[in-house]
Amino acid sequence: MPTEVIYNRIAMLRAERGISRRELAEALGVHYQTIGYLERGEYSPSLHLALRIAAYFEVAVEVVFAIHQFPRLGSAESVGAAGD
């Protein structure tokens, strides 16, 4: 059975807010390498950690995590969603 991949926008959210991996890790109480593993898709977060990350960024968990790849920025899908 193939490994289930969880896609995320952690790097994008960090960049938008000017937050380093280390700063995010400290705020969440995890090792900074954990943030890198999450961003690269090498590690799937527990439900508890996923919810804490979403709460940190003050967004719904679906904004940060998905089971399908997010549309690329500038694509027709993301442009249509941006106007909502």
Protein backbone atom coordinates (compact mmCIF):
# COMPACT_ATOMS: atom_id res chain seq x y z
CA MET A 1 0.00 0.00 0.00
CA PRO A 2 1.50 3.37 -0.99
CA THR A 3 2.28 5.91 1.70
CA GLU A 4 -0.44 8.51 2.09
CA VAL A 5 0.85 11.99 1.31
CA ILE A 6 -0.37 15.07 3.15
CA TYR A 7 0.24 18.28 1.22
CA ASN A 8 0.74 21.54 3.06
CA ARG A 9 1.25 25.27 2.69
CA ILE A 10 3.41 25.77 5.78
CA ALA A 11 6.34 27.29 3.86
CA MET A 12 4.03 29.70 2.03
CA LEU A 13 2.32 30.78 5.25
CA ARG A 14 5.67 31.25 6.99
CA ALA A 15 7.00 33.32 4.06
CA GLU A 16 3.89 35.53 3.99
CA ARG A 17 4.37 36.31 7.67
CA GLY A 18 8.18 36.47 7.71
CA ILE A 19 8.47 33.61 10.21
CA SER A 20 11.52 31.31 10.27
CA ARG A 21 11.28 27.55 10.72
CA ARG A 22 12.93 27.97 14.10
CA GLU A 23 10.39 30.62 15.23
CA LEU A 24 7.47 28.42 14.18
CA ALA A 25 9.00 25.38 15.85
CA GLU A 26 9.54 27.27 19.12
CA ALA A 27 5.95 28.55 19.07
CA LEU A 28 4.67 24.99 18.56
CA GLY A 29 7.10 23.29 20.94
CA VAL A 30 8.68 21.06 18.28
CA HIS A 31 12.21 20.77 16.89
CA TYR A 32 12.92 23.13 13.98
CA GLN A 33 13.84 20.15 11.78
CA THR A 34 10.28 18.87 12.23
CA ILE A 35 9.02 21.95 10.39
CA GLY A 36 11.41 21.20 7.51
CA TYR A 37 10.26 17.57 7.37
CA LEU A 38 6.64 18.72 7.29
CA GLU A 39 7.25 21.31 4.57
CA ARG A 40 9.02 18.76 2.35
CA GLY A 41 6.29 16.18 2.86
CA GLU A 42 8.70 13.77 4.56
CA TYR A 43 6.56 13.64 7.68
CA SER A 44 2.81 13.83 8.22
CA PRO A 45 1.72 15.67 11.34
CA SER A 46 -0.49 14.21 14.02
CA LEU A 47 -3.98 15.64 14.04
CA HIS A 48 -3.08 17.55 17.20
CA LEU A 49 -0.02 19.16 15.58
CA ALA A 50 -1.94 19.95 12.37
CA LEU A 51 -4.63 21.74 14.37
CA ARG A 52 -2.00 23.64 16.40
CA ILE A 53 -0.27 24.79 13.19
CA ALA A 54 -3.57 25.99 11.73
CA ALA A 55 -4.40 27.79 14.98
CA TYR A 56 -0.97 29.43 15.01
CA PHE A 57 -1.61 30.88 11.54
CA GLU A 58 -5.25 31.64 12.47
CA VAL A 59 -6.66 29.73 9.51
CA ALA A 60 -8.77 26.60 9.02
CA VAL A 61 -6.78 23.37 8.94
CA GLU A 62 -7.86 22.87 5.30
CA VAL A 63 -6.01 26.06 4.37
CA VAL A 64 -2.75 24.50 5.59
CA PHE A 65 -3.19 20.78 4.84
CA ALA A 66 -4.81 18.73 2.05
CA ILE A 67 -4.84 15.20 0.70
CA HIS A 68 -4.56 16.54 -2.88
CA GLN A 69 -1.93 18.92 -4.21
CA PHE A 70 -2.86 22.57 -3.91
CA PRO A 71 -3.28 24.41 -7.24
CA ARG A 72 -0.15 26.29 -8.28
CA LEU A 73 -0.27 30.02 -7.63
CA GLY A 74 -1.40 31.81 -10.77
CA SER A 75 -3.19 28.77 -12.19
CA ALA A 76 -6.81 29.05 -13.31
CA GLU A 77 -7.92 27.12 -10.23
CA SER A 78 -6.12 29.36 -7.74
CA VAL A 79 -7.16 32.58 -9.54
CA GLY A 80 -10.83 31.55 -9.36
CA ALA A 81 -10.54 30.69 -5.69
CA ALA A 82 -8.78 33.96 -4.88
CA GLY A 83 -11.79 35.97 -5.97
CA ASP A 84 -14.17 34.20 -3.57
